[in-house]
PDB file of N, CA and C in Angstrom:
ATOM      1  N   MET A   1       0.851  -1.168   0.000  1.00  0.00           N
ATOM      2  CA  MET A   1       0.000   0.000   0.000  1.00  0.00           C
ATOM      3  C   MET A   1       0.899   1.233   0.000  1.00  0.00           C
ATOM      4  N   THR A   2       0.478   2.252  -0.740  1.00  0.00           N
ATOM      5  CA  THR A   2       1.252   3.489  -0.784  1.00  0.00           C
ATOM      6  C   THR A   2       0.469   4.624  -0.127  1.00  0.00           C
ATOM      7  N   CYS A   3       1.193   5.572   0.401  1.00  0.00           N
ATOM      8  CA  CYS A   3       0.614   6.717   1.089  1.00  0.00           C
ATOM      9  C   CYS A   3      -0.131   7.608   0.092  1.00  0.00           C
ATOM     10  N   PHE A   4      -1.305   8.079   0.497  1.00  0.00           N
ATOM     11  CA  PHE A   4      -2.105   8.955  -0.353  1.00  0.00           C
ATOM     12  C   PHE A   4      -1.456  10.325  -0.518  1.00  0.00           C
ATOM     13  N   TYR A   5      -0.649  10.739   0.444  1.00  0.00           N
ATOM     14  CA  TYR A   5      -0.072  12.076   0.431  1.00  0.00           C
ATOM     15  C   TYR A   5       1.304  12.138  -0.233  1.00  0.00           C
ATOM     16  N   CYS A   6       2.222  11.282   0.204  1.00  0.00           N
ATOM     17  CA  CYS A   6       3.600  11.404  -0.282  1.00  0.00           C
ATOM     18  C   CYS A   6       4.031  10.228  -1.152  1.00  0.00           C
ATOM     19  N   LYS A   7       3.147   9.245  -1.318  1.00  0.00           N
ATOM     20  CA  LYS A   7       3.418   8.044  -2.120  1.00  0.00           C
ATOM     21  C   LYS A   7       4.489   7.154  -1.506  1.00  0.00           C
ATOM     22  N   GLY A   8       4.756   7.336  -0.207  1.00  0.00           N
ATOM     23  CA  GLY A   8       5.692   6.478   0.510  1.00  0.00           C
ATOM     24  C   GLY A   8       5.068   5.125   0.809  1.00  0.00           C
ATOM     25  N   ASN A   9       5.845   4.224   1.364  1.00  0.00           N
ATOM     26  CA  ASN A   9       5.380   2.881   1.700  1.00  0.00           C
ATOM     27  C   ASN A   9       4.631   2.895   3.030  1.00  0.00           C
ATOM     28  N   MET A  10       3.463   2.222   3.065  1.00  0.00           N
ATOM     29  CA  MET A  10       2.663   2.110   4.288  1.00  0.00           C
ATOM     30  C   MET A  10       2.947   0.753   4.927  1.00  0.00           C
ATOM     31  N   SER A  11       3.275   0.769   6.212  1.00  0.00           N
ATOM     32  CA  SER A  11       3.562  -0.462   6.953  1.00  0.00           C
ATOM     33  C   SER A  11       2.519  -0.658   8.046  1.00  0.00           C
ATOM     34  N   GLU A  12       2.218  -1.925   8.362  1.00  0.00           N
ATOM     35  CA  GLU A  12       1.302  -2.211   9.455  1.00  0.00           C
ATOM     36  C   GLU A  12       1.942  -1.828  10.776  1.00  0.00           C
ATOM     37  N   GLY A  13       1.138  -1.292  11.659  1.00  0.00           N
ATOM     38  CA  GLY A  13       1.646  -0.910  12.963  1.00  0.00           C
ATOM     39  C   GLY A  13       0.499  -0.565  13.903  1.00  0.00           C
ATOM     40  N   PHE A  14       0.818   0.185  14.937  1.00  0.00           N
ATOM     41  CA  PHE A  14      -0.170   0.595  15.928  1.00  0.00           C
ATOM     42  C   PHE A  14       0.004   2.078  16.197  1.00  0.00           C
ATOM     43  N   THR A  15      -1.087   2.742  16.582  1.00  0.00           N
ATOM     44  CA  THR A  15      -1.043   4.160  16.884  1.00  0.00           C
ATOM     45  C   THR A  15      -1.995   4.455  18.033  1.00  0.00           C
ATOM     46  N   THR A  16      -2.000   5.688  18.485  1.00  0.00           N
ATOM     47  CA  THR A  16      -2.934   6.154  19.493  1.00  0.00           C
ATOM     48  C   THR A  16      -3.904   7.111  18.816  1.00  0.00           C
ATOM     49  N   HIS A  17      -5.197   6.858  18.993  1.00  0.00           N
ATOM     50  CA  HIS A  17      -6.245   7.672  18.370  1.00  0.00           C
ATOM     51  C   HIS A  17      -6.819   8.624  19.413  1.00  0.00           C
ATOM     52  N   PHE A  18      -6.922   9.908  19.053  1.00  0.00           N
ATOM     53  CA  PHE A  18      -7.472  10.928  19.936  1.00  0.00           C
ATOM     54  C   PHE A  18      -8.783  11.436  19.346  1.00  0.00           C
ATOM     55  N   ALA A  19      -9.804  11.604  20.187  1.00  0.00           N
ATOM     56  CA  ALA A  19     -11.076  12.163  19.742  1.00  0.00           C
ATOM     57  C   ALA A  19     -11.592  13.110  20.815  1.00  0.00           C
ATOM     58  N   GLN A  20     -12.224  14.192  20.353  1.00  0.00           N
ATOM     59  CA  GLN A  20     -12.871  15.110  21.278  1.00  0.00           C
ATOM     60  C   GLN A  20     -14.365  15.052  21.009  1.00  0.00           C
ATOM     61  N   VAL A  21     -15.130  14.744  22.050  1.00  0.00           N
ATOM     62  CA  VAL A  21     -16.583  14.666  21.953  1.00  0.00           C
ATOM     63  C   VAL A  21     -17.145  15.637  22.988  1.00  0.00           C
ATOM     64  N   GLY A  22     -17.699  16.731  22.516  1.00  0.00           N
ATOM     65  CA  GLY A  22     -18.178  17.760  23.439  1.00  0.00           C
ATOM     66  C   GLY A  22     -17.014  18.294  24.236  1.00  0.00           C
ATOM     67  N   ASN A  23     -17.115  18.207  25.560  1.00  0.00           N
ATOM     68  CA  ASN A  23     -16.045  18.675  26.441  1.00  0.00           C
ATOM     69  C   ASN A  23     -15.146  17.539  26.909  1.00  0.00           C
ATOM     70  N   SER A  24     -15.317  16.355  26.353  1.00  0.00           N
ATOM     71  CA  SER A  24     -14.549  15.185  26.774  1.00  0.00           C
ATOM     72  C   SER A  24     -13.499  14.812  25.735  1.00  0.00           C
ATOM     73  N   PHE A  25     -12.417  14.240  26.214  1.00  0.00           N
ATOM     74  CA  PHE A  25     -11.365  13.730  25.342  1.00  0.00           C
ATOM     75  C   PHE A  25     -11.297  12.220  25.497  1.00  0.00           C
ATOM     76  N   ILE A  26     -11.214  11.526  24.374  1.00  0.00           N
ATOM     77  CA  ILE A  26     -11.117  10.065  24.378  1.00  0.00           C
ATOM     78  C   ILE A  26      -9.795   9.683  23.740  1.00  0.00           C
ATOM     79  N   ILE A  27      -9.019   8.879  24.440  1.00  0.00           N
ATOM     80  CA  ILE A  27      -7.722   8.408  23.959  1.00  0.00           C
ATOM     81  C   ILE A  27      -7.798   6.892  23.859  1.00  0.00           C
ATOM     82  N   ILE A  28      -7.574   6.376  22.657  1.00  0.00           N
ATOM     83  CA  ILE A  28      -7.619   4.929  22.433  1.00  0.00           C
ATOM     84  C   ILE A  28      -6.227   4.495  21.996  1.00  0.00           C
ATOM     85  N   LYS A  29      -5.591   3.675  22.833  1.00  0.00           N
ATOM     86  CA  LYS A  29      -4.212   3.256  22.597  1.00  0.00           C
ATOM     87  C   LYS A  29      -4.160   1.941  21.823  1.00  0.00           C
ATOM     88  N   ASN A  30      -3.044   1.699  21.161  1.00  0.00           N
ATOM     89  CA  ASN A  30      -2.745   0.448  20.461  1.00  0.00           C
ATOM     90  C   ASN A  30      -3.758   0.114  19.366  1.00  0.00           C
ATOM     91  N   VAL A  31      -4.124   1.106  18.573  1.00  0.00           N
ATOM     92  CA  VAL A  31      -5.073   0.915  17.481  1.00  0.00           C
ATOM     93  C   VAL A  31      -4.303   0.418  16.252  1.00  0.00           C
ATOM     94  N   PRO A  32      -4.715  -0.714  15.661  1.00  0.00           N
ATOM     95  CA  PRO A  32      -4.025  -1.204  14.465  1.00  0.00           C
ATOM     96  C   PRO A  32      -4.237  -0.240  13.297  1.00  0.00           C
ATOM     97  N   CYS A  33      -3.175  -0.036  12.523  1.00  0.00           N
ATOM     98  CA  CYS A  33      -3.245   0.925  11.426  1.00  0.00           C
ATOM     99  C   CYS A  33      -2.192   0.604  10.372  1.00  0.00           C
ATOM    100  N   TYR A  34      -2.235   1.367   9.314  1.00  0.00           N
ATOM    101  CA  TYR A  34      -1.138   1.415   8.340  1.00  0.00           C
ATOM    102  C   TYR A  34      -0.519   2.790   8.497  1.00  0.00           C
ATOM    103  N   LYS A  35       0.793   2.846   8.677  1.00  0.00           N
ATOM    104  CA  LYS A  35       1.495   4.101   8.910  1.00  0.00           C
ATOM    105  C   LYS A  35       2.558   4.288   7.835  1.00  0.00           C
ATOM    106  N   CYS A  36       2.613   5.501   7.266  1.00  0.00           N
ATOM    107  CA  CYS A  36       3.590   5.806   6.221  1.00  0.00           C
ATOM    108  C   CYS A  36       4.994   5.860   6.824  1.00  0.00           C
ATOM    109  N   ASP A  37       5.921   5.142   6.194  1.00  0.00           N
ATOM    110  CA  ASP A  37       7.311   5.132   6.647  1.00  0.00           C
ATOM    111  C   ASP A  37       8.000   6.468   6.396  1.00  0.00           C
ATOM    112  N   GLN A  38       7.452   7.259   5.465  1.00  0.00           N
ATOM    113  CA  GLN A  38       8.099   8.503   5.072  1.00  0.00           C
ATOM    114  C   GLN A  38       7.533   9.718   5.816  1.00  0.00           C
ATOM    115  N   CYS A  39       6.196   9.895   5.789  1.00  0.00           N
ATOM    116  CA  CYS A  39       5.617  11.107   6.377  1.00  0.00           C
ATOM    117  C   CYS A  39       4.842  10.861   7.667  1.00  0.00           C
ATOM    118  N   GLY A  40       4.580   9.597   8.008  1.00  0.00           N
ATOM    119  CA  GLY A  40       3.896   9.277   9.251  1.00  0.00           C
ATOM    120  C   GLY A  40       2.372   9.305   9.178  1.00  0.00           C
ATOM    121  N   GLU A  41       1.806   9.521   8.000  1.00  0.00           N
ATOM    122  CA  GLU A  41       0.348   9.510   7.837  1.00  0.00           C
ATOM    123  C   GLU A  41      -0.214   8.167   8.294  1.00  0.00           C
ATOM    124  N   VAL A  42      -1.372   8.206   8.977  1.00  0.00           N
ATOM    125  CA  VAL A  42      -1.996   7.005   9.521  1.00  0.00           C
ATOM    126  C   VAL A  42      -3.310   6.748   8.791  1.00  0.00           C
ATOM    127  N   VAL A  43      -3.541   5.472   8.422  1.00  0.00           N
ATOM    128  CA  VAL A  43      -4.771   5.054   7.749  1.00  0.00           C
ATOM    129  C   VAL A  43      -5.316   3.838   8.478  1.00  0.00           C
ATOM    130  N   TYR A  44      -6.636   3.847   8.714  1.00  0.00           N
ATOM    131  CA  TYR A  44      -7.302   2.710   9.352  1.00  0.00           C
ATOM    132  C   TYR A  44      -8.085   1.913   8.316  1.00  0.00           C
ATOM    133  N   THR A  45      -8.220   0.611   8.555  1.00  0.00           N
ATOM    134  CA  THR A  45      -9.086  -0.203   7.701  1.00  0.00           C
ATOM    135  C   THR A  45     -10.535   0.119   8.054  1.00  0.00           C
ATOM    136  N   ALA A  46     -11.458  -0.326   7.216  1.00  0.00           N
ATOM    137  CA  ALA A  46     -12.877  -0.062   7.456  1.00  0.00           C
ATOM    138  C   ALA A  46     -13.352  -0.692   8.768  1.00  0.00           C
ATOM    139  N   SER A  47     -12.891  -1.896   9.059  1.00  0.00           N
ATOM    140  CA  SER A  47     -13.326  -2.568  10.291  1.00  0.00           C
ATOM    141  C   SER A  47     -12.796  -1.850  11.535  1.00  0.00           C
ATOM    142  N   VAL A  48     -11.572  -1.348  11.473  1.00  0.00           N
ATOM    143  CA  VAL A  48     -11.011  -0.604  12.611  1.00  0.00           C
ATOM    144  C   VAL A  48     -11.761   0.712  12.782  1.00  0.00           C
ATOM    145  N   THR A  49     -12.060   1.388  11.688  1.00  0.00           N
ATOM    146  CA  THR A  49     -12.809   2.645  11.749  1.00  0.00           C
ATOM    147  C   THR A  49     -14.179   2.420  12.376  1.00  0.00           C
ATOM    148  N   LYS A  50     -14.853   1.346  11.972  1.00  0.00           N
ATOM    149  CA  LYS A  50     -16.164   1.032  12.531  1.00  0.00           C
ATOM    150  C   LYS A  50     -16.070   0.780  14.035  1.00  0.00           C
ATOM    151  N   ARG A  51     -15.051   0.043  14.466  1.00  0.00           N
ATOM    152  CA  ARG A  51     -14.864  -0.252  15.893  1.00  0.00           C
ATOM    153  C   ARG A  51     -14.539   1.025  16.674  1.00  0.00           C
ATOM    154  N   LEU A  52     -13.717   1.907  16.102  1.00  0.00           N
ATOM    155  CA  LEU A  52     -13.409   3.178  16.762  1.00  0.00           C
ATOM    156  C   LEU A  52     -14.683   3.993  16.959  1.00  0.00           C
ATOM    157  N   GLU A  53     -15.534   4.035  15.943  1.00  0.00           N
ATOM    158  CA  GLU A  53     -16.790   4.769  16.050  1.00  0.00           C
ATOM    159  C   GLU A  53     -17.679   4.177  17.147  1.00  0.00           C
ATOM    160  N   GLN A  54     -17.710   2.842  17.254  1.00  0.00           N
ATOM    161  CA  GLN A  54     -18.497   2.188  18.299  1.00  0.00           C
ATOM    162  C   GLN A  54     -17.957   2.534  19.688  1.00  0.00           C
ATOM    163  N   LEU A  55     -16.631   2.459  19.840  1.00  0.00           N
ATOM    164  CA  LEU A  55     -16.019   2.765  21.136  1.00  0.00           C
ATOM    165  C   LEU A  55     -16.287   4.209  21.543  1.00  0.00           C
ATOM    166  N   ILE A  56     -16.167   5.121  20.606  1.00  0.00           N
ATOM    167  CA  ILE A  56     -16.393   6.543  20.898  1.00  0.00           C
ATOM    168  C   ILE A  56     -17.855   6.771  21.269  1.00  0.00           C
ATOM    169  N   ALA A  57     -18.771   6.115  20.565  1.00  0.00           N
ATOM    170  CA  ALA A  57     -20.199   6.258  20.887  1.00  0.00           C
ATOM    171  C   ALA A  57     -20.498   5.730  22.285  1.00  0.00           C
ATOM    172  N   GLU A  58     -19.881   4.620  22.667  1.00  0.00           N
ATOM    173  CA  GLU A  58     -20.080   4.062  24.008  1.00  0.00           C
ATOM    174  C   GLU A  58     -19.536   4.991  25.090  1.00  0.00           C
ATOM    175  N   LEU A  59     -18.383   5.577  24.826  1.00  0.00           N
ATOM    176  CA  LEU A  59     -17.749   6.443  25.826  1.00  0.00           C
ATOM    177  C   LEU A  59     -18.326   7.854  25.842  1.00  0.00           C
ATOM    178  N   GLU A  60     -19.087   8.187  24.817  1.00  0.00           N
ATOM    179  CA  GLU A  60     -19.666   9.527  24.723  1.00  0.00           C
ATOM    180  C   GLU A  60     -20.581   9.835  25.902  1.00  0.00           C
ATOM    181  N   ASN A  61     -21.242   8.826  26.421  1.00  0.00           N
ATOM    182  CA  ASN A  61     -22.167   9.025  27.531  1.00  0.00           C
ATOM    183  C   ASN A  61     -21.504   8.889  28.898  1.00  0.00           C
ATOM    184  N   ALA A  62     -20.217   8.571  28.915  1.00  0.00           N
ATOM    185  CA  ALA A  62     -19.506   8.450  30.194  1.00  0.00           C
ATOM    186  C   ALA A  62     -19.382   9.833  30.841  1.00  0.00           C
ATOM    187  N   LEU A  63     -19.497   9.857  32.135  1.00  0.00           N
ATOM    188  CA  LEU A  63     -19.415  11.123  32.862  1.00  0.00           C
ATOM    189  C   LEU A  63     -17.972  11.401  33.258  1.00  0.00           C
ATOM    190  N   THR A  64     -17.138  11.630  32.270  1.00  0.00           N
ATOM    191  CA  THR A  64     -15.726  11.897  32.535  1.00  0.00           C
ATOM    192  C   THR A  64     -15.194  12.877  31.495  1.00  0.00           C
ATOM    193  N   GLU A  65     -14.179  13.614  31.873  1.00  0.00           N
ATOM    194  CA  GLU A  65     -13.583  14.550  30.923  1.00  0.00           C
ATOM    195  C   GLU A  65     -12.544  13.888  30.043  1.00  0.00           C
ATOM    196  N   ILE A  66     -11.857  12.888  30.588  1.00  0.00           N
ATOM    197  CA  ILE A  66     -10.821  12.185  29.831  1.00  0.00           C
ATOM    198  C   ILE A  66     -11.018  10.687  30.013  1.00  0.00           C
ATOM    199  N   ALA A  67     -11.063   9.968  28.909  1.00  0.00           N
ATOM    200  CA  ALA A  67     -11.169   8.514  28.956  1.00  0.00           C
ATOM    201  C   ALA A  67     -10.004   7.940  28.170  1.00  0.00           C
ATOM    202  N   VAL A  68      -9.272   6.998  28.768  1.00  0.00           N
ATOM    203  CA  VAL A  68      -8.162   6.323  28.113  1.00  0.00           C
ATOM    204  C   VAL A  68      -8.455   4.838  28.125  1.00  0.00           C
ATOM    205  N   ILE A  69      -8.498   4.221  26.932  1.00  0.00           N
ATOM    206  CA  ILE A  69      -8.752   2.784  26.848  1.00  0.00           C
ATOM    207  C   ILE A  69      -7.767   2.141  25.906  1.00  0.00           C
ATOM    208  N   ASN A  70      -7.626   0.833  26.033  1.00  0.00           N
ATOM    209  CA  ASN A  70      -6.753   0.052  25.169  1.00  0.00           C
ATOM    210  C   ASN A  70      -7.642  -0.618  24.122  1.00  0.00           C
ATOM    211  N   TYR A  71      -7.359  -0.418  22.852  1.00  0.00           N
ATOM    212  CA  TYR A  71      -8.176  -0.936  21.755  1.00  0.00           C
ATOM    213  C   TYR A  71      -8.353  -2.438  21.841  1.00  0.00           C
ATOM    214  N   SER A  72      -7.283  -3.163  22.066  1.00  0.00           N
ATOM    215  CA  SER A  72      -7.355  -4.619  22.064  1.00  0.00           C
ATOM    216  C   SER A  72      -8.120  -5.174  23.265  1.00  0.00           C
ATOM    217  N   ALA A  73      -8.208  -4.423  24.341  1.00  0.00           N
ATOM    218  CA  ALA A  73      -8.924  -4.887  25.529  1.00  0.00           C
ATOM    219  C   ALA A  73     -10.392  -4.470  25.519  1.00  0.00           C
ATOM    220  N   ALA A  74     -10.749  -3.550  24.637  1.00  0.00           N
ATOM    221  CA  ALA A  74     -12.133  -3.024  24.628  1.00  0.00           C
ATOM    222  C   ALA A  74     -13.067  -3.897  23.826  1.00  0.00           C
TER     223      ALA A  74
END
C-alpha cells in the first residue's frame, strides 16, 4: 500500500487515536493501522474505523472529561 499524500510505503503498525466529543477527550491506545514510513500519515481499515466509532459512541455518555482505553482490551 502506498501513502495517499507522499506516495511512501505504508507499513502495518499501531497508533494512538485521539477524539474530542463535546467537552470530553477520548484516547484509544494500540489501534491497528497502516502508517507511512516517510511522512507518518496514519490510515485505518474499514473494520477498525467502525470499531473506533463504536467505542467513541459508548464512551460519549460516560461522565468523565478524559477517557483512556486500550483498543485490544475493549
